[in-house]
C-alpha atoms as a PDB file:
ATOM      1  CA  MET A   1      34.223   0.927-104.337  1.00  0.00           C
ATOM      2  CA  SER A   2      34.427   1.629-100.590  1.00  0.00           C
ATOM      3  CA  THR A   3      31.451   2.647 -98.503  1.00  0.00           C
ATOM      4  CA  LYS A   4      32.882   6.135 -98.123  1.00  0.00           C
ATOM      5  CA  GLU A   5      33.211   6.497-101.885  1.00  0.00           C
ATOM      6  CA  LEU A   6      29.624   5.276-102.373  1.00  0.00           C
ATOM      7  CA  ILE A   7      28.346   7.805 -99.833  1.00  0.00           C
ATOM      8  CA  LEU A   8      30.231  10.629-101.520  1.00  0.00           C
ATOM      9  CA  LYS A   9      28.909   9.532-104.934  1.00  0.00           C
ATOM     10  CA  GLU A  10      25.335   9.524-103.615  1.00  0.00           C
ATOM     11  CA  ILE A  11      25.773  12.945-102.027  1.00  0.00           C
ATOM     12  CA  GLU A  12      27.049  14.362-105.303  1.00  0.00           C
ATOM     13  CA  GLU A  13      23.770  13.278-106.932  1.00  0.00           C
ATOM     14  CA  ILE A  14      21.590  15.094-104.405  1.00  0.00           C
ATOM     15  CA  PRO A  15      20.348  18.486-105.541  1.00  0.00           C
ATOM     16  CA  GLU A  16      22.168  21.386-103.913  1.00  0.00           C
ATOM     17  CA  SER A  17      18.882  22.566-102.380  1.00  0.00           C
ATOM     18  CA  TYR A  18      19.033  19.521-100.031  1.00  0.00           C
ATOM     19  CA  TRP A  19      22.649  19.883 -98.900  1.00  0.00           C
ATOM     20  CA  GLU A  20      21.702  21.636 -95.633  1.00  0.00           C
ATOM     21  CA  GLU A  21      19.480  18.672 -94.760  1.00  0.00           C
ATOM     22  CA  VAL A  22      22.254  16.227 -95.618  1.00  0.00           C
ATOM     23  CA  LEU A  23      24.657  18.219 -93.422  1.00  0.00           C
ATOM     24  CA  SER A  24      22.123  18.156 -90.556  1.00  0.00           C
ATOM     25  CA  LEU A  25      21.770  14.356 -90.900  1.00  0.00           C
ATOM     26  CA  VAL A  26      25.545  13.864 -90.862  1.00  0.00           C
ATOM     27  CA  GLN A  27      25.867  16.101 -87.792  1.00  0.00           C
ATOM     28  CA  THR A  28      23.108  14.135 -86.041  1.00  0.00           C
ATOM     29  CA  ILE A  29      24.878  10.835 -86.817  1.00  0.00           C
ATOM     30  CA  LYS A  30      28.137  12.302 -85.439  1.00  0.00           C
ATOM     31  CA  LYS A  31      26.365  13.355 -82.225  1.00  0.00           C
ATOM     32  CA  ILE A  32      24.762   9.901 -81.811  1.00  0.00           C
ATOM     33  CA  THR A  33      28.135   8.272 -82.361  1.00  0.00           C
ATOM     34  CA  GLN A  34      29.732  10.504 -79.748  1.00  0.00           C
ATOM     35  CA  LEU A  35      26.981   9.795 -77.197  1.00  0.00           C
ATOM     36  CA  LYS A  36      27.336   6.044 -77.783  1.00  0.00           C
ATOM     37  CA  LYS A  37      31.086   6.274 -77.306  1.00  0.00           C
ATOM     38  CA  GLU A  38      30.615   8.237 -74.051  1.00  0.00           C
ATOM     39  CA  LYS A  39      28.080   5.688 -72.839  1.00  0.00           C
ATOM     40  CA  GLU A  40      30.514   2.854 -73.507  1.00  0.00           C
ATOM     41  CA  GLU A  41      33.267   4.696 -71.638  1.00  0.00           C
ATOM     42  CA  TYR A  42      31.004   5.342 -68.632  1.00  0.00           C
ATOM     43  CA  SER A  43      31.919   3.020 -65.786  1.00  0.00           C
ATOM     44  CA  GLY A  44      28.331   2.523 -64.673  1.00  0.00           C
ATOM     45  CA  GLY A  45      28.106   4.398 -61.414  1.00  0.00           C
ATOM     46  CA  LEU A  46      30.408   3.808 -58.521  1.00  0.00           C
ATOM     47  CA  GLY A  47      31.141   0.217 -59.463  1.00  0.00           C
ATOM     48  CA  GLY A  48      34.191   1.273 -61.425  1.00  0.00           C
ATOM     49  CA  LEU A  49      35.707   2.856 -58.318  1.00  0.00           C
ATOM     50  CA  TRP A  50      35.834  -0.541 -56.593  1.00  0.00           C
ATOM     51  CA  LYS A  51      37.010  -2.570 -59.575  1.00  0.00           C
ATOM     52  CA  GLY A  52      39.676  -5.014 -58.507  1.00  0.00           C
ATOM     53  CA  VAL A  53      39.075  -4.405 -54.767  1.00  0.00           C
ATOM     54  CA  GLU A  54      37.943  -7.448 -52.778  1.00  0.00           C
ATOM     55  CA  PHE A  55      36.243  -7.325 -49.396  1.00  0.00           C
ATOM     56  CA  SER A  56      36.138 -10.224 -46.956  1.00  0.00           C
ATOM     57  CA  GLU A  57      33.076 -11.163 -44.883  1.00  0.00           C
ATOM     58  CA  GLU A  58      34.993  -9.833 -41.877  1.00  0.00           C
ATOM     59  CA  ASP A  59      35.519  -6.445 -43.610  1.00  0.00           C
ATOM     60  CA  ILE A  60      31.812  -6.202 -44.333  1.00  0.00           C
ATOM     61  CA  ALA A  61      30.847  -7.235 -40.796  1.00  0.00           C
ATOM     62  CA  ASP A  62      33.239  -4.631 -39.301  1.00  0.00           C
ATOM     63  CA  ALA A  63      31.850  -1.916 -41.534  1.00  0.00           C
ATOM     64  CA  ARG A  64      28.303  -2.816 -40.532  1.00  0.00           C
ATOM     65  CA  LYS A  65      29.175  -2.759 -36.827  1.00  0.00           C
ATOM     66  CA  GLU A  66      30.837   0.631 -37.225  1.00  0.00           C
ATOM     67  CA  MET A  67      27.947   2.030 -39.204  1.00  0.00           C
ATOM     68  CA  TRP A  68      25.013   0.618 -37.260  1.00  0.00           C
ATOM     69  CA  GLY A  69      26.628  -0.056 -33.896  1.00  0.00           C
ATOM     70  CA  SER A  70      25.056   2.824 -32.020  1.00  0.00           C
ATOM     71  CA  LEU A  71      21.716   2.797 -33.826  1.00  0.00           C
ATOM     72  CA  GLY A  72      18.880   3.166 -31.419  1.00  0.00           C
ATOM     73  CA  GLU A  73      21.046   4.381 -28.525  1.00  0.00           C
ATOM     74  CA  ARG A  74      19.882   7.604 -27.000  1.00  0.00           C
ATOM     75  CA  LYS A  75      22.150  10.176 -25.479  1.00  0.00           C
ATOM     76  CA  VAL A  76      20.563  11.790 -22.487  1.00  0.00           C
END
């Protein structure tokens, strides 16, 4: 007997007065499953945007110069 068949057999033995609780449990499990799936699909911030892109030391140095080059200079 498959797991699905065992679950259905067990549910059939639960009194009807508990069916709403069983439904609530199943819906909660579905929601947890969906959240886990979404979490697995999430790239983890901006890191996924740069996947496969390589930067040389020169690229990084140039970017730093451009970004911080005029730091501390005052315009009068």
